[in-house]
Amino acid sequence: MAFETNYVENEILSLNNDELISFIYRGLLDYLEKIKKSIEQNNPSEKINWINKAIDVISYLRSILDYDKGGVISKNLNNLYLFSIKELTDSNFSNDITKIISVENIFKELLSAWNEMIKKKKGEYLKNSDQNEINFSDNLREKRVEIYG
């Protein structure tokens, strides 16, 4: 178990900011699958565990938004994140898988858009040899392991 934890921690620390967001979105989608499975198997303790983890991840994503640099995009992401947290909370009480699917669809779209942005940036980097990272709040690297620790 310690080896696995160290491996994941090292993998997370080696990611650049763009790759980290993609990694987090994929992890969140995995948690959402586990929530649906827990509901289907009528396992409330597992469901609550995975919902709490998913909410922690979304809260982390909210905490790294940079409203000064992100402007309207950051505000819109915050609204999507808040909606997702509400849907997850509601699904905890109602066992409504459609709410989980709703959140899942949001994050599938965000992951797809994010990955397209990464591809575009890599293409521009290769053309210009001048990589510009999307800026998040300065505490991104410090907080990245907290959600998986």
N, C-alpha and C. Protein backbone atom coordinates (compact mmCIF):
# COMPACT_ATOMS: atom_id res chain seq x y z
N MET A 1 0.82 -1.19 0.00
CA MET A 1 0.00 0.00 0.00
C MET A 1 0.87 1.26 0.00
N ALA A 2 1.92 1.28 0.79
CA ALA A 2 2.81 2.45 0.84
C ALA A 2 3.47 2.69 -0.51
N PHE A 3 3.87 1.59 -1.18
CA PHE A 3 4.48 1.73 -2.50
C PHE A 3 3.50 2.37 -3.47
N GLU A 4 2.25 1.90 -3.45
CA GLU A 4 1.23 2.44 -4.35
C GLU A 4 1.00 3.92 -4.07
N THR A 5 0.92 4.30 -2.80
CA THR A 5 0.71 5.69 -2.42
C THR A 5 1.88 6.54 -2.90
N ASN A 6 3.11 6.07 -2.69
CA ASN A 6 4.28 6.82 -3.14
C ASN A 6 4.31 6.94 -4.65
N TYR A 7 3.93 5.89 -5.36
CA TYR A 7 3.91 5.92 -6.81
C TYR A 7 2.92 6.96 -7.32
N VAL A 8 1.71 6.94 -6.78
CA VAL A 8 0.69 7.90 -7.20
C VAL A 8 1.13 9.32 -6.86
N GLU A 9 1.68 9.51 -5.67
CA GLU A 9 2.15 10.83 -5.26
C GLU A 9 3.24 11.33 -6.20
N ASN A 10 4.19 10.47 -6.55
CA ASN A 10 5.25 10.87 -7.48
C ASN A 10 4.69 11.18 -8.86
N GLU A 11 3.72 10.40 -9.30
CA GLU A 11 3.10 10.66 -10.60
C GLU A 11 2.42 12.02 -10.60
N ILE A 12 1.70 12.33 -9.55
CA ILE A 12 0.99 13.61 -9.45
C ILE A 12 1.99 14.76 -9.44
N LEU A 13 3.05 14.63 -8.68
CA LEU A 13 4.03 15.71 -8.57
C LEU A 13 4.79 15.94 -9.87
N SER A 14 4.84 14.93 -10.74
CA SER A 14 5.58 15.08 -12.00
C SER A 14 4.73 15.70 -13.11
N LEU A 15 3.44 15.88 -12.88
CA LEU A 15 2.56 16.44 -13.90
C LEU A 15 2.68 17.96 -13.95
N ASN A 16 2.58 18.51 -15.18
CA ASN A 16 2.49 19.96 -15.26
C ASN A 16 1.04 20.35 -14.95
N ASN A 17 0.78 21.64 -14.84
CA ASN A 17 -0.55 22.10 -14.43
C ASN A 17 -1.64 21.61 -15.37
N ASP A 18 -1.39 21.62 -16.67
CA ASP A 18 -2.40 21.17 -17.63
C ASP A 18 -2.69 19.68 -17.45
N GLU A 19 -1.65 18.88 -17.33
CA GLU A 19 -1.82 17.44 -17.16
C GLU A 19 -2.50 17.13 -15.83
N LEU A 20 -2.23 17.93 -14.82
CA LEU A 20 -2.83 17.71 -13.50
C LEU A 20 -4.35 17.85 -13.56
N ILE A 21 -4.83 18.87 -14.23
CA ILE A 21 -6.28 19.06 -14.32
C ILE A 21 -6.92 17.88 -15.05
N SER A 22 -6.29 17.44 -16.13
CA SER A 22 -6.79 16.28 -16.86
C SER A 22 -6.82 15.05 -15.96
N PHE A 23 -5.77 14.85 -15.19
CA PHE A 23 -5.67 13.73 -14.25
C PHE A 23 -6.80 13.81 -13.21
N ILE A 24 -7.05 15.01 -12.70
CA ILE A 24 -8.10 15.19 -11.69
C ILE A 24 -9.47 14.91 -12.28
N TYR A 25 -9.73 15.41 -13.49
CA TYR A 25 -11.01 15.13 -14.13
C TYR A 25 -11.21 13.63 -14.33
N ARG A 26 -10.18 12.93 -14.78
CA ARG A 26 -10.31 11.48 -14.99
C ARG A 26 -10.55 10.76 -13.66
N GLY A 27 -9.86 11.18 -12.61
CA GLY A 27 -10.07 10.59 -11.29
C GLY A 27 -11.49 10.83 -10.79
N LEU A 28 -12.00 12.02 -11.02
CA LEU A 28 -13.35 12.34 -10.60
C LEU A 28 -14.36 11.47 -11.36
N LEU A 29 -14.14 11.28 -12.65
CA LEU A 29 -15.04 10.42 -13.42
C LEU A 29 -15.02 8.99 -12.89
N ASP A 30 -13.86 8.54 -12.43
CA ASP A 30 -13.77 7.22 -11.80
C ASP A 30 -14.59 7.17 -10.52
N TYR A 31 -14.51 8.21 -9.71
CA TYR A 31 -15.31 8.27 -8.48
C TYR A 31 -16.80 8.24 -8.80
N LEU A 32 -17.21 8.94 -9.84
CA LEU A 32 -18.63 8.97 -10.22
C LEU A 32 -19.11 7.58 -10.63
N GLU A 33 -18.27 6.84 -11.33
CA GLU A 33 -18.62 5.45 -11.67
C GLU A 33 -18.81 4.62 -10.40
N LYS A 34 -17.94 4.83 -9.43
CA LYS A 34 -18.03 4.08 -8.18
C LYS A 34 -19.27 4.46 -7.39
N ILE A 35 -19.69 5.71 -7.48
CA ILE A 35 -20.93 6.13 -6.82
C ILE A 35 -22.11 5.39 -7.45
N LYS A 36 -22.17 5.39 -8.78
CA LYS A 36 -23.27 4.70 -9.47
C LYS A 36 -23.30 3.23 -9.10
N LYS A 37 -22.15 2.60 -9.06
CA LYS A 37 -22.08 1.18 -8.72
C LYS A 37 -22.55 0.95 -7.28
N SER A 38 -22.16 1.83 -6.36
CA SER A 38 -22.59 1.70 -4.97
C SER A 38 -24.10 1.84 -4.83
N ILE A 39 -24.69 2.75 -5.61
CA ILE A 39 -26.15 2.91 -5.58
C ILE A 39 -26.82 1.66 -6.12
N GLU A 40 -26.30 1.17 -7.26
CA GLU A 40 -26.88 -0.04 -7.87
C GLU A 40 -26.79 -1.25 -6.94
N GLN A 41 -25.71 -1.33 -6.16
CA GLN A 41 -25.51 -2.46 -5.25
C GLN A 41 -26.11 -2.20 -3.87
N ASN A 42 -26.80 -1.08 -3.73
CA ASN A 42 -27.43 -0.72 -2.46
C ASN A 42 -26.43 -0.76 -1.30
N ASN A 43 -25.31 -0.09 -1.51
CA ASN A 43 -24.26 -0.02 -0.51
C ASN A 43 -24.10 1.43 -0.05
N PRO A 44 -24.89 1.86 0.93
CA PRO A 44 -24.89 3.28 1.32
C PRO A 44 -23.57 3.79 1.88
N SER A 45 -22.83 2.96 2.62
CA SER A 45 -21.58 3.45 3.19
C SER A 45 -20.55 3.71 2.10
N GLU A 46 -20.49 2.84 1.10
CA GLU A 46 -19.58 3.07 -0.04
C GLU A 46 -20.02 4.29 -0.83
N LYS A 47 -21.32 4.41 -1.04
CA LYS A 47 -21.86 5.56 -1.79
C LYS A 47 -21.44 6.86 -1.12
N ILE A 48 -21.63 6.94 0.19
CA ILE A 48 -21.28 8.16 0.93
C ILE A 48 -19.77 8.42 0.83
N ASN A 49 -18.99 7.39 0.95
CA ASN A 49 -17.53 7.53 0.85
C ASN A 49 -17.14 8.13 -0.50
N TRP A 50 -17.66 7.59 -1.59
CA TRP A 50 -17.29 8.07 -2.92
C TRP A 50 -17.88 9.44 -3.21
N ILE A 51 -19.07 9.72 -2.70
CA ILE A 51 -19.65 11.06 -2.88
C ILE A 51 -18.79 12.09 -2.15
N ASN A 52 -18.38 11.77 -0.94
CA ASN A 52 -17.51 12.71 -0.20
C ASN A 52 -16.20 12.95 -0.92
N LYS A 53 -15.62 11.90 -1.48
CA LYS A 53 -14.36 12.07 -2.23
C LYS A 53 -14.58 12.91 -3.48
N ALA A 54 -15.68 12.67 -4.18
CA ALA A 54 -15.98 13.45 -5.38
C ALA A 54 -16.19 14.92 -5.03
N ILE A 55 -16.91 15.19 -3.95
CA ILE A 55 -17.13 16.57 -3.52
C ILE A 55 -15.81 17.22 -3.12
N ASP A 56 -14.92 16.47 -2.47
CA ASP A 56 -13.60 17.00 -2.11
C ASP A 56 -12.82 17.40 -3.36
N VAL A 57 -12.88 16.58 -4.39
CA VAL A 57 -12.16 16.88 -5.63
C VAL A 57 -12.74 18.13 -6.29
N ILE A 58 -14.05 18.21 -6.36
CA ILE A 58 -14.68 19.38 -6.97
C ILE A 58 -14.38 20.63 -6.15
N SER A 59 -14.38 20.51 -4.85
CA SER A 59 -14.03 21.65 -3.99
C SER A 59 -12.59 22.09 -4.24
N TYR A 60 -11.71 21.13 -4.44
CA TYR A 60 -10.33 21.45 -4.78
C TYR A 60 -10.27 22.22 -6.10
N LEU A 61 -11.00 21.74 -7.10
CA LEU A 61 -11.03 22.43 -8.39
C LEU A 61 -11.53 23.87 -8.23
N ARG A 62 -12.52 24.07 -7.39
CA ARG A 62 -13.00 25.43 -7.12
C ARG A 62 -11.91 26.27 -6.47
N SER A 63 -11.14 25.66 -5.58
CA SER A 63 -10.14 26.43 -4.83
C SER A 63 -8.98 26.91 -5.70
N ILE A 64 -8.76 26.29 -6.84
CA ILE A 64 -7.63 26.70 -7.68
C ILE A 64 -8.04 27.61 -8.84
N LEU A 65 -9.32 27.94 -8.91
CA LEU A 65 -9.75 28.87 -9.96
C LEU A 65 -9.11 30.24 -9.72
N ASP A 66 -8.66 30.85 -10.78
CA ASP A 66 -8.07 32.18 -10.70
C ASP A 66 -9.03 33.15 -11.39
N TYR A 67 -9.82 33.86 -10.60
CA TYR A 67 -10.85 34.74 -11.15
C TYR A 67 -10.26 35.96 -11.83
N ASP A 68 -9.08 36.40 -11.40
CA ASP A 68 -8.45 37.56 -12.03
C ASP A 68 -8.03 37.24 -13.47
N LYS A 69 -7.44 36.09 -13.66
CA LYS A 69 -6.95 35.72 -14.99
C LYS A 69 -7.99 34.97 -15.80
N GLY A 70 -8.88 34.25 -15.12
CA GLY A 70 -9.86 33.42 -15.82
C GLY A 70 -11.16 34.11 -16.15
N GLY A 71 -11.45 35.20 -15.45
CA GLY A 71 -12.64 36.00 -15.73
C GLY A 71 -13.92 35.18 -15.79
N VAL A 72 -14.65 35.34 -16.88
CA VAL A 72 -15.95 34.71 -17.07
C VAL A 72 -15.82 33.18 -17.07
N ILE A 73 -14.74 32.67 -17.64
CA ILE A 73 -14.56 31.21 -17.67
C ILE A 73 -14.47 30.66 -16.25
N SER A 74 -13.71 31.33 -15.40
CA SER A 74 -13.61 30.88 -14.00
C SER A 74 -14.95 30.93 -13.30
N LYS A 75 -15.72 31.99 -13.55
CA LYS A 75 -17.05 32.11 -12.93
C LYS A 75 -17.97 31.01 -13.42
N ASN A 76 -17.93 30.72 -14.72
CA ASN A 76 -18.77 29.65 -15.27
C ASN A 76 -18.36 28.28 -14.73
N LEU A 77 -17.05 28.05 -14.63
CA LEU A 77 -16.59 26.78 -14.05
C LEU A 77 -17.04 26.67 -12.60
N ASN A 78 -16.93 27.74 -11.85
CA ASN A 78 -17.38 27.72 -10.46
C ASN A 78 -18.85 27.35 -10.38
N ASN A 79 -19.67 27.92 -11.26
CA ASN A 79 -21.10 27.59 -11.26
C ASN A 79 -21.33 26.12 -11.60
N LEU A 80 -20.58 25.58 -12.56
CA LEU A 80 -20.70 24.16 -12.88
C LEU A 80 -20.28 23.30 -11.70
N TYR A 81 -19.20 23.70 -11.03
CA TYR A 81 -18.72 22.95 -9.88
C TYR A 81 -19.76 22.99 -8.74
N LEU A 82 -20.34 24.16 -8.48
CA LEU A 82 -21.36 24.26 -7.43
C LEU A 82 -22.59 23.42 -7.78
N PHE A 83 -23.02 23.47 -9.03
CA PHE A 83 -24.14 22.64 -9.47
C PHE A 83 -23.83 21.16 -9.26
N SER A 84 -22.61 20.76 -9.60
CA SER A 84 -22.20 19.36 -9.46
C SER A 84 -22.22 18.92 -8.00
N ILE A 85 -21.75 19.78 -7.12
CA ILE A 85 -21.76 19.46 -5.69
C ILE A 85 -23.22 19.31 -5.21
N LYS A 86 -24.10 20.19 -5.67
CA LYS A 86 -25.51 20.11 -5.29
C LYS A 86 -26.12 18.79 -5.79
N GLU A 87 -25.84 18.43 -7.03
CA GLU A 87 -26.38 17.19 -7.59
C GLU A 87 -25.87 15.97 -6.81
N LEU A 88 -24.60 15.97 -6.46
CA LEU A 88 -24.04 14.85 -5.69
C LEU A 88 -24.68 14.77 -4.31
N THR A 89 -24.86 15.91 -3.68
CA THR A 89 -25.49 15.94 -2.36
C THR A 89 -26.93 15.43 -2.45
N ASP A 90 -27.65 15.91 -3.46
CA ASP A 90 -29.04 15.45 -3.64
C ASP A 90 -29.10 13.95 -3.90
N SER A 91 -28.16 13.46 -4.71
CA SER A 91 -28.18 12.02 -5.04
C SER A 91 -27.88 11.17 -3.82
N ASN A 92 -27.18 11.73 -2.85
CA ASN A 92 -26.89 10.99 -1.63
C ASN A 92 -28.18 10.66 -0.89
N PHE A 93 -29.14 11.59 -0.92
CA PHE A 93 -30.40 11.38 -0.22
C PHE A 93 -31.42 10.63 -1.06
N SER A 94 -31.37 10.83 -2.37
CA SER A 94 -32.41 10.27 -3.23
C SER A 94 -32.00 8.97 -3.94
N ASN A 95 -30.70 8.67 -3.93
CA ASN A 95 -30.17 7.52 -4.68
C ASN A 95 -30.52 7.62 -6.17
N ASP A 96 -30.59 8.83 -6.66
CA ASP A 96 -30.95 9.09 -8.05
C ASP A 96 -29.70 9.06 -8.94
N ILE A 97 -29.56 7.99 -9.67
CA ILE A 97 -28.38 7.83 -10.54
C ILE A 97 -28.37 8.86 -11.65
N THR A 98 -29.54 9.37 -12.05
CA THR A 98 -29.56 10.37 -13.12
C THR A 98 -28.81 11.64 -12.72
N LYS A 99 -28.79 11.95 -11.43
CA LYS A 99 -28.03 13.11 -10.96
C LYS A 99 -26.53 12.85 -11.10
N ILE A 100 -26.11 11.64 -10.85
CA ILE A 100 -24.70 11.27 -11.02
C ILE A 100 -24.34 11.34 -12.50
N ILE A 101 -25.22 10.85 -13.34
CA ILE A 101 -24.98 10.87 -14.78
C ILE A 101 -24.89 12.31 -15.28
N SER A 102 -25.71 13.19 -14.73
CA SER A 102 -25.67 14.61 -15.08
C SER A 102 -24.29 15.20 -14.78
N VAL A 103 -23.78 14.92 -13.59
CA VAL A 103 -22.45 15.41 -13.20
C VAL A 103 -21.39 14.75 -14.08
N GLU A 104 -21.55 13.48 -14.33
CA GLU A 104 -20.61 12.75 -15.18
C GLU A 104 -20.52 13.39 -16.57
N ASN A 105 -21.66 13.74 -17.14
CA ASN A 105 -21.68 14.36 -18.46
C ASN A 105 -20.96 15.71 -18.47
N ILE A 106 -21.14 16.48 -17.40
CA ILE A 106 -20.45 17.76 -17.29
C ILE A 106 -18.94 17.55 -17.32
N PHE A 107 -18.46 16.60 -16.52
CA PHE A 107 -17.02 16.42 -16.42
C PHE A 107 -16.42 15.70 -17.63
N LYS A 108 -17.21 14.91 -18.32
CA LYS A 108 -16.73 14.33 -19.58
C LYS A 108 -16.50 15.45 -20.60
N GLU A 109 -17.44 16.39 -20.65
CA GLU A 109 -17.29 17.53 -21.56
C GLU A 109 -16.11 18.40 -21.16
N LEU A 110 -15.96 18.66 -19.88
CA LEU A 110 -14.83 19.47 -19.42
C LEU A 110 -13.50 18.78 -19.73
N LEU A 111 -13.45 17.48 -19.51
CA LEU A 111 -12.22 16.73 -19.81
C LEU A 111 -11.92 16.78 -21.30
N SER A 112 -12.91 16.59 -22.12
CA SER A 112 -12.71 16.64 -23.56
C SER A 112 -12.20 18.02 -24.00
N ALA A 113 -12.84 19.07 -23.50
CA ALA A 113 -12.42 20.43 -23.85
C ALA A 113 -11.01 20.71 -23.34
N TRP A 114 -10.72 20.24 -22.13
CA TRP A 114 -9.41 20.46 -21.54
C TRP A 114 -8.33 19.75 -22.37
N ASN A 115 -8.59 18.52 -22.76
CA ASN A 115 -7.61 17.77 -23.55
C ASN A 115 -7.40 18.42 -24.92
N GLU A 116 -8.45 18.96 -25.50
CA GLU A 116 -8.31 19.68 -26.78
C GLU A 116 -7.44 20.92 -26.60
N MET A 117 -7.63 21.63 -25.49
CA MET A 117 -6.83 22.80 -25.19
C MET A 117 -5.35 22.42 -25.04
N ILE A 118 -5.10 21.30 -24.38
CA ILE A 118 -3.72 20.84 -24.21
C ILE A 118 -3.09 20.55 -25.57
N LYS A 119 -3.83 19.86 -26.44
CA LYS A 119 -3.31 19.56 -27.78
C LYS A 119 -3.00 20.83 -28.54
N LYS A 120 -3.89 21.80 -28.45
CA LYS A 120 -3.68 23.08 -29.14
C LYS A 120 -2.45 23.79 -28.59
N LYS A 121 -2.32 23.81 -27.27
CA LYS A 121 -1.16 24.45 -26.66
C LYS A 121 0.14 23.76 -27.07
N LYS A 122 0.12 22.43 -27.12
CA LYS A 122 1.33 21.70 -27.53
C LYS A 122 1.69 22.03 -28.97
N GLY A 123 0.67 22.15 -29.83
CA GLY A 123 0.92 22.52 -31.22
C GLY A 123 1.51 23.91 -31.32
N GLU A 124 0.98 24.85 -30.55
CA GLU A 124 1.50 26.21 -30.55
C GLU A 124 2.91 26.24 -29.97
N TYR A 125 3.15 25.42 -28.96
CA TYR A 125 4.47 25.36 -28.35
C TYR A 125 5.50 24.89 -29.36
N LEU A 126 5.14 23.86 -30.11
CA LEU A 126 6.07 23.34 -31.10
C LEU A 126 6.33 24.38 -32.19
N LYS A 127 5.33 25.17 -32.54
CA LYS A 127 5.51 26.21 -33.56
C LYS A 127 6.34 27.36 -33.03
N ASN A 128 6.05 27.79 -31.83
CA ASN A 128 6.66 29.01 -31.29
C ASN A 128 7.81 28.76 -30.32
N SER A 129 7.94 27.55 -29.85
CA SER A 129 8.92 27.23 -28.80
C SER A 129 8.79 28.16 -27.61
N ASP A 130 7.57 28.57 -27.34
CA ASP A 130 7.28 29.45 -26.21
C ASP A 130 6.01 28.98 -25.55
N GLN A 131 6.14 28.15 -24.51
CA GLN A 131 4.97 27.56 -23.86
C GLN A 131 4.36 28.55 -22.89
N ASN A 132 3.06 28.73 -23.03
CA ASN A 132 2.31 29.57 -22.11
C ASN A 132 1.35 28.69 -21.33
N GLU A 133 1.52 28.63 -20.02
CA GLU A 133 0.63 27.82 -19.20
C GLU A 133 -0.58 28.63 -18.79
N ILE A 134 -1.71 27.95 -18.70
CA ILE A 134 -2.88 28.59 -18.10
C ILE A 134 -2.56 28.75 -16.63
N ASN A 135 -2.81 29.92 -16.11
CA ASN A 135 -2.44 30.21 -14.72
C ASN A 135 -3.57 29.91 -13.77
N PHE A 136 -3.26 29.15 -12.75
CA PHE A 136 -4.17 28.92 -11.65
C PHE A 136 -3.57 29.63 -10.45
N SER A 137 -4.26 29.60 -9.36
CA SER A 137 -3.71 30.23 -8.18
C SER A 137 -2.37 29.59 -7.83
N ASP A 138 -1.52 30.37 -7.17
CA ASP A 138 -0.15 29.93 -6.91
C ASP A 138 -0.04 28.69 -6.05
N ASN A 139 -1.07 28.34 -5.32
CA ASN A 139 -0.99 27.20 -4.41
C ASN A 139 -1.38 25.89 -5.08
N LEU A 140 -1.45 25.84 -6.40
CA LEU A 140 -1.86 24.63 -7.11
C LEU A 140 -0.96 23.45 -6.77
N ARG A 141 0.34 23.59 -6.91
CA ARG A 141 1.25 22.48 -6.66
C ARG A 141 1.22 22.04 -5.20
N GLU A 142 1.08 22.99 -4.30
CA GLU A 142 1.04 22.64 -2.88
C GLU A 142 -0.20 21.83 -2.53
N LYS A 143 -1.30 22.12 -3.19
CA LYS A 143 -2.56 21.49 -2.83
C LYS A 143 -2.81 20.20 -3.60
N ARG A 144 -2.04 19.94 -4.65
CA ARG A 144 -2.38 18.83 -5.54
C ARG A 144 -2.39 17.47 -4.87
N VAL A 145 -1.58 17.26 -3.86
CA VAL A 145 -1.53 15.94 -3.24
C VAL A 145 -2.58 15.82 -2.14
N GLU A 146 -3.06 16.95 -1.62
CA GLU A 146 -4.03 16.94 -0.53
C GLU A 146 -5.25 16.10 -0.83
N ILE A 147 -5.75 16.17 -2.06
CA ILE A 147 -6.99 15.47 -2.37
C ILE A 147 -6.78 13.98 -2.55
N TYR A 148 -5.55 13.56 -2.70
CA TYR A 148 -5.27 12.13 -2.86
C TYR A 148 -4.56 11.55 -1.66
N GLY A 149 -4.21 12.39 -0.68
CA GLY A 149 -3.45 11.94 0.47
C GLY A 149 -4.27 11.22 1.50
